[in-house]
Amino acid sequence: MDILTSYSFIIVALGTVILAIASGVVGTVSVLKGQSLIGDAIGHATFPGVVIAFMIFGMMETSVLVIGAVIFGVLAFWFINKITSESKTSLDSALALILSSFFGLGMVLKSYVQGNSNFSGTQGIDDFIFGQAAYMLKSDVYIIIAAALINLLIFIISYHQLRIYIFDETYSRTIGINKNLMNALVLLMTIVLISVGLKAVGAILIVNILIIPAVIGSLWSNRFLNVLIIAGISGGVSAFIGTYVSTAFTGIPTGPAIILSLSILFILSLIVAPKGLGAKIIQSKKRGANI
């Protein structure tokens, strides 16, 4: 109870919960469009941007590091498109190539700056790998909240266009919805959420708060709006639980704690949700009994 009433916990929990809600909503678009793995590649690709931004400016200021993360996220997506459009390389292969190459570059640069006496205050870089919201500053949380709320506002304004674009791309073109604009909008929202969420969840696991809530939502409903609401709620609840566990128990990173909470919620949904395995087993037994 002392943790729940702690001012620092309330601030950090507020940041991670709002981030997870926004990520669950925006990530639903990527999942329904079959582009969830692109988010995974971009999440890993942002890490070298964080390290390079630190090397250039010499500070662990989140507002500065986020700029580097966004730049490298956009660069990674450009490389993915370039490789798939101008070669015979499949999308899966391009994603694996960019993910491993960019993240490998980030790890090399991290080792370099941490072993170099010319760079000081490098301890916080490790937080961007697995996440550690318990050590986030108030300014970090404000940046997360601002980015998440702006993304949610953009999503709400573009809701009807996005819904048509997701489920009927042909019809969306006939009524003047620009496919490239919709792609760029979803990409931008995804990259921004990934970049601001790195310190809370980490580069390795950040994509999971975009994907798992959307999958949970799709297990409970076929209606787009309901899926969005369930995805946002499941993300927010899991973020709160994960942040609490990370704060209560020393040595547990926030990112893994949040993702573990999401995974447990996913398993429960897989068993009891109307579109889960449990419902399918019951239906198959009923069909067998009728036969």
Protein backbone atom coordinates (compact mmCIF):
# COMPACT_ATOMS: atom_id res chain seq x y z
CA MET A 1 0.00 0.00 0.00
CA ASP A 2 2.92 2.34 0.67
CA ILE A 3 4.01 1.90 -2.94
CA LEU A 4 0.54 2.67 -4.31
CA THR A 5 0.42 5.97 -2.42
CA SER A 6 4.00 6.92 -3.29
CA TYR A 7 4.20 10.07 -5.42
CA SER A 8 7.04 8.69 -7.56
CA PHE A 9 5.13 5.45 -8.24
CA ILE A 10 1.98 7.36 -9.20
CA ILE A 11 3.90 9.51 -11.68
CA VAL A 12 5.74 6.56 -13.27
CA ALA A 13 2.63 4.36 -13.37
CA LEU A 14 0.69 7.17 -15.01
CA GLY A 15 3.33 7.42 -17.72
CA THR A 16 3.53 3.68 -18.45
CA VAL A 17 -0.25 3.19 -18.33
CA ILE A 18 -0.93 6.01 -20.80
CA LEU A 19 1.89 4.75 -23.03
CA ALA A 20 0.46 1.21 -23.00
CA ILE A 21 -3.08 2.42 -23.72
CA ALA A 22 -1.91 4.46 -26.72
CA SER A 23 0.35 1.64 -27.93
CA GLY A 24 -2.47 -0.89 -27.69
CA VAL A 25 -4.76 1.32 -29.75
CA VAL A 26 -2.21 2.26 -32.44
CA GLY A 27 -0.75 -1.25 -32.53
CA THR A 28 -4.17 -2.66 -33.41
CA VAL A 29 -3.89 -1.05 -36.85
CA SER A 30 -0.53 -2.70 -37.53
CA VAL A 31 -1.77 -6.10 -36.37
CA LEU A 32 -4.94 -5.97 -38.46
CA LYS A 33 -2.93 -4.88 -41.50
CA GLY A 34 -0.45 -7.73 -40.96
CA GLN A 35 2.46 -5.35 -40.35
CA SER A 36 3.25 -6.12 -36.72
CA LEU A 37 6.76 -7.41 -37.47
CA ILE A 38 7.69 -4.05 -38.96
CA GLY A 39 7.19 -2.57 -35.50
CA ASP A 40 9.54 -5.21 -34.09
CA ALA A 41 12.28 -4.24 -36.54
CA ILE A 42 11.78 -0.53 -35.89
CA GLY A 43 11.83 -1.09 -32.12
CA HIS A 44 15.26 -2.73 -32.28
CA ALA A 45 16.49 -0.25 -34.88
CA THR A 46 15.87 2.78 -32.64
CA PHE A 47 18.51 1.70 -30.10
CA PRO A 48 21.60 2.84 -32.07
CA GLY A 49 19.86 6.20 -32.54
CA VAL A 50 19.70 6.55 -28.76
CA VAL A 51 23.41 5.78 -28.36
CA ILE A 52 24.50 8.05 -31.23
CA ALA A 53 22.40 10.91 -29.87
CA PHE A 54 24.18 10.46 -26.54
CA MET A 55 27.58 10.40 -28.25
CA ILE A 56 26.82 13.65 -30.11
CA PHE A 57 25.24 15.65 -27.30
CA GLY A 58 26.89 13.98 -24.30
CA MET A 59 23.76 13.88 -22.17
CA MET A 60 21.14 11.33 -21.12
CA GLU A 61 18.28 13.76 -21.66
CA THR A 62 15.27 11.82 -22.92
CA SER A 63 14.05 14.60 -25.21
CA VAL A 64 17.40 14.48 -27.03
CA LEU A 65 17.65 10.68 -27.16
CA VAL A 66 14.10 10.36 -28.52
CA ILE A 67 15.10 12.45 -31.55
CA GLY A 68 17.89 9.99 -32.34
CA ALA A 69 15.49 7.07 -31.88
CA VAL A 70 12.89 8.58 -34.22
CA ILE A 71 15.50 9.29 -36.91
CA PHE A 72 16.80 5.73 -36.84
CA GLY A 73 13.27 4.33 -36.78
CA VAL A 74 12.43 6.23 -39.97
CA LEU A 75 15.79 5.21 -41.46
CA ALA A 76 15.10 1.55 -40.70
CA PHE A 77 11.69 1.70 -42.36
CA TRP A 78 13.24 3.38 -45.42
CA PHE A 79 15.82 0.61 -45.68
CA ILE A 80 13.12 -2.07 -45.38
CA ASN A 81 11.11 -0.51 -48.20
CA LYS A 82 14.23 -0.02 -50.33
CA ILE A 83 15.39 -3.62 -49.90
CA THR A 84 11.99 -5.17 -50.63
CA SER A 85 11.15 -2.91 -53.59
CA GLU A 86 14.50 -3.01 -55.38
CA SER A 87 15.58 -6.60 -54.78
CA LYS A 88 14.10 -10.07 -54.63
CA THR A 89 14.52 -10.14 -50.85
CA SER A 90 11.30 -11.04 -49.05
CA LEU A 91 9.81 -8.79 -46.39
CA ASP A 92 10.58 -11.30 -43.60
CA SER A 93 14.23 -11.47 -44.67
CA ALA A 94 14.49 -7.68 -44.90
CA LEU A 95 12.97 -7.29 -41.42
CA ALA A 96 15.41 -9.82 -39.94
CA LEU A 97 18.34 -8.13 -41.67
CA ILE A 98 17.47 -4.62 -40.50
CA LEU A 99 16.53 -5.75 -36.98
CA SER A 100 19.76 -7.64 -36.35
CA SER A 101 22.03 -5.15 -38.13
CA PHE A 102 20.72 -2.02 -36.44
CA PHE A 103 20.47 -3.58 -32.99
CA GLY A 104 23.95 -5.07 -33.38
CA LEU A 105 25.23 -1.60 -34.25
CA GLY A 106 23.58 -0.23 -31.13
CA MET A 107 25.18 -2.86 -28.89
CA VAL A 108 28.62 -2.21 -30.41
CA LEU A 109 28.26 1.53 -29.88
CA LYS A 110 27.00 0.98 -26.32
CA SER A 111 30.04 -1.14 -25.46
CA TYR A 112 32.29 1.48 -27.03
CA VAL A 113 30.97 4.45 -25.04
CA GLN A 114 30.79 2.51 -21.77
CA GLY A 115 34.43 1.46 -22.16
CA ASN A 116 35.63 4.90 -23.23
CA SER A 117 36.78 7.39 -20.59
CA ASN A 118 35.78 10.28 -22.85
CA PHE A 119 32.10 9.49 -22.21
CA SER A 120 30.65 9.86 -18.72
CA GLY A 121 27.21 9.09 -17.32
CA THR A 122 26.60 6.12 -19.59
CA GLN A 123 24.90 3.90 -16.99
CA GLY A 124 21.42 4.94 -18.13
CA ILE A 125 21.93 3.54 -21.63
CA ASP A 126 21.26 0.00 -20.38
CA ASP A 127 17.75 1.12 -19.37
CA PHE A 128 16.91 1.51 -23.06
CA ILE A 129 17.49 -2.21 -23.69
CA PHE A 130 15.15 -3.81 -21.14
CA GLY A 131 13.48 -0.73 -19.67
CA GLN A 132 13.52 0.53 -16.11
CA ALA A 133 10.66 2.91 -15.40
CA ALA A 134 11.46 2.95 -11.69
CA TYR A 135 14.44 5.20 -12.48
CA MET A 136 12.62 7.48 -14.89
CA LEU A 137 12.68 11.21 -14.23
CA LYS A 138 9.55 13.30 -14.03
CA SER A 139 10.52 14.93 -17.35
CA ASP A 140 10.67 11.47 -18.99
CA VAL A 141 7.12 10.75 -17.88
CA TYR A 142 5.88 14.12 -19.15
CA ILE A 143 7.37 13.37 -22.58
CA ILE A 144 5.67 9.93 -22.66
CA ILE A 145 2.31 11.38 -21.63
CA ALA A 146 2.51 14.22 -24.17
CA ALA A 147 3.48 11.88 -27.03
CA ALA A 148 0.84 9.28 -26.12
CA LEU A 149 -1.98 11.83 -25.81
CA ILE A 150 -1.04 13.50 -29.11
CA ASN A 151 -1.02 10.11 -30.84
CA LEU A 152 -4.41 9.22 -29.37
CA LEU A 153 -5.79 12.57 -30.51
CA ILE A 154 -4.49 12.01 -34.06
CA PHE A 155 -5.96 8.50 -34.02
CA ILE A 156 -9.37 9.75 -32.91
CA ILE A 157 -9.42 12.46 -35.60
CA SER A 158 -8.42 9.91 -38.28
CA TYR A 159 -10.57 7.08 -36.88
CA HIS A 160 -13.09 6.79 -39.72
CA GLN A 161 -10.45 6.99 -42.47
CA LEU A 162 -8.27 4.42 -40.71
CA ARG A 163 -11.19 2.03 -40.24
CA ILE A 164 -12.08 2.12 -43.93
CA TYR A 165 -8.42 1.86 -44.95
CA ILE A 166 -7.90 -1.23 -42.76
CA PHE A 167 -10.93 -3.24 -43.83
CA ASP A 168 -11.55 -2.10 -47.43
CA GLU A 169 -8.50 -0.59 -49.09
CA THR A 170 -10.14 -0.62 -52.52
CA TYR A 171 -13.16 1.32 -51.32
CA SER A 172 -10.90 3.75 -49.42
CA ARG A 173 -9.19 4.67 -52.70
CA THR A 174 -12.51 5.29 -54.45
CA ILE A 175 -13.58 7.83 -51.81
CA GLY A 176 -10.25 9.63 -51.88
CA ILE A 177 -8.41 8.23 -48.87
CA ASN A 178 -4.69 8.41 -49.58
CA LYS A 179 -3.06 5.04 -48.91
CA ASN A 180 0.44 6.51 -48.58
CA LEU A 181 -0.81 9.13 -46.14
CA MET A 182 -2.49 6.49 -43.98
CA ASN A 183 0.66 4.35 -44.02
CA ALA A 184 2.82 7.33 -43.09
CA LEU A 185 0.44 8.32 -40.30
CA VAL A 186 0.42 4.85 -38.71
CA LEU A 187 4.19 4.58 -39.16
CA LEU A 188 4.82 7.95 -37.54
CA MET A 189 2.57 7.17 -34.56
CA THR A 190 4.25 3.78 -34.14
CA ILE A 191 7.79 5.19 -34.28
CA VAL A 192 7.00 7.99 -31.82
CA LEU A 193 5.43 5.62 -29.29
CA ILE A 194 8.34 3.20 -29.63
CA SER A 195 10.88 6.00 -29.19
CA VAL A 196 9.33 7.55 -26.08
CA GLY A 197 8.65 4.13 -24.56
CA LEU A 198 12.20 2.77 -24.83
CA LYS A 199 13.26 3.82 -21.35
CA ALA A 200 10.10 2.35 -19.81
CA VAL A 201 9.90 -0.96 -21.69
CA GLY A 202 13.19 -1.31 -23.58
CA ALA A 203 14.11 -1.78 -27.24
CA ILE A 204 13.85 -5.57 -27.12
CA LEU A 205 10.33 -5.76 -25.73
CA ILE A 206 8.73 -2.46 -26.79
CA VAL A 207 6.97 -4.01 -29.79
CA ASN A 208 5.03 -6.36 -27.49
CA ILE A 209 2.96 -3.52 -26.02
CA LEU A 210 1.94 -2.76 -29.60
CA ILE A 211 1.07 -6.33 -30.57
CA ILE A 212 -0.17 -8.30 -27.54
CA PRO A 213 -3.00 -5.90 -26.51
CA ALA A 214 -4.29 -5.92 -30.09
CA VAL A 215 -4.27 -9.72 -30.17
CA ILE A 216 -6.10 -9.83 -26.84
CA GLY A 217 -8.72 -7.43 -28.16
CA SER A 218 -9.24 -9.48 -31.33
CA LEU A 219 -9.87 -12.59 -29.21
CA TRP A 220 -12.78 -10.90 -27.45
CA SER A 221 -14.56 -9.12 -30.28
CA ASN A 222 -14.99 -8.75 -34.04
CA ARG A 223 -15.98 -5.08 -33.84
CA PHE A 224 -13.13 -2.68 -34.50
CA LEU A 225 -14.11 -0.19 -31.80
CA ASN A 226 -14.46 -2.94 -29.18
CA VAL A 227 -11.06 -4.36 -30.14
CA LEU A 228 -9.51 -0.91 -29.69
CA ILE A 229 -11.11 -0.43 -26.27
CA ILE A 230 -10.12 -3.89 -25.03
CA ALA A 231 -6.57 -3.45 -26.38
CA GLY A 232 -6.21 -0.12 -24.58
CA ILE A 233 -7.59 -1.46 -21.31
CA SER A 234 -5.48 -4.63 -21.36
CA GLY A 235 -2.36 -2.61 -22.12
CA GLY A 236 -3.07 -0.11 -19.36
CA VAL A 237 -3.85 -2.75 -16.71
CA SER A 238 -0.73 -4.76 -17.58
CA ALA A 239 1.44 -1.63 -17.49
CA PHE A 240 0.14 -0.77 -14.02
CA ILE A 241 0.77 -4.27 -12.68
CA GLY A 242 4.21 -4.50 -14.31
CA THR A 243 5.26 -1.10 -12.98
CA TYR A 244 4.11 -2.07 -9.49
CA VAL A 245 6.05 -5.34 -9.57
CA SER A 246 9.14 -3.55 -10.89
CA THR A 247 8.93 -0.96 -8.13
CA ALA A 248 8.14 -3.42 -5.32
CA PHE A 249 10.87 -5.94 -6.11
CA THR A 250 14.42 -4.73 -6.57
CA GLY A 251 16.22 -5.89 -9.70
CA ILE A 252 13.16 -6.61 -11.85
CA PRO A 253 13.19 -4.42 -15.00
CA THR A 254 9.94 -2.71 -15.85
CA GLY A 255 9.78 -3.91 -19.47
CA PRO A 256 9.84 -7.65 -18.76
CA ALA A 257 7.40 -7.20 -15.86
CA ILE A 258 4.89 -5.40 -18.11
CA ILE A 259 5.27 -7.93 -20.92
CA LEU A 260 4.89 -10.84 -18.47
CA SER A 261 1.64 -9.30 -17.22
CA LEU A 262 0.45 -8.91 -20.82
CA SER A 263 1.42 -12.51 -21.59
CA ILE A 264 -0.58 -13.83 -18.63
CA LEU A 265 -3.58 -11.79 -19.73
CA PHE A 266 -3.18 -13.14 -23.27
CA ILE A 267 -3.08 -16.75 -22.05
CA LEU A 268 -6.23 -16.20 -19.98
CA SER A 269 -7.96 -14.62 -22.98
CA LEU A 270 -6.84 -17.49 -25.18
CA ILE A 271 -8.60 -19.89 -22.81
CA VAL A 272 -11.82 -18.05 -21.94
CA ALA A 273 -12.40 -15.46 -24.70
CA PRO A 274 -15.25 -16.03 -27.20
CA LYS A 275 -12.72 -16.47 -30.02
CA GLY A 276 -10.16 -18.37 -27.94
CA LEU A 277 -9.21 -22.02 -27.83
CA GLY A 278 -11.65 -22.82 -25.03
CA ALA A 279 -14.63 -21.62 -27.03
CA LYS A 280 -13.48 -23.53 -30.12
CA ILE A 281 -13.12 -26.76 -28.12
CA ILE A 282 -16.62 -26.37 -26.70
CA GLN A 283 -18.05 -25.69 -30.17
CA SER A 284 -16.30 -28.72 -31.66
CA LYS A 285 -17.68 -30.92 -28.88
CA LYS A 286 -21.20 -29.60 -29.53
CA ARG A 287 -20.88 -30.33 -33.24
CA GLY A 288 -19.64 -33.83 -32.44
CA ALA A 289 -22.57 -34.42 -30.09
CA ASN A 290 -25.06 -33.24 -32.72
CA ILE A 291 -23.57 -35.64 -35.25
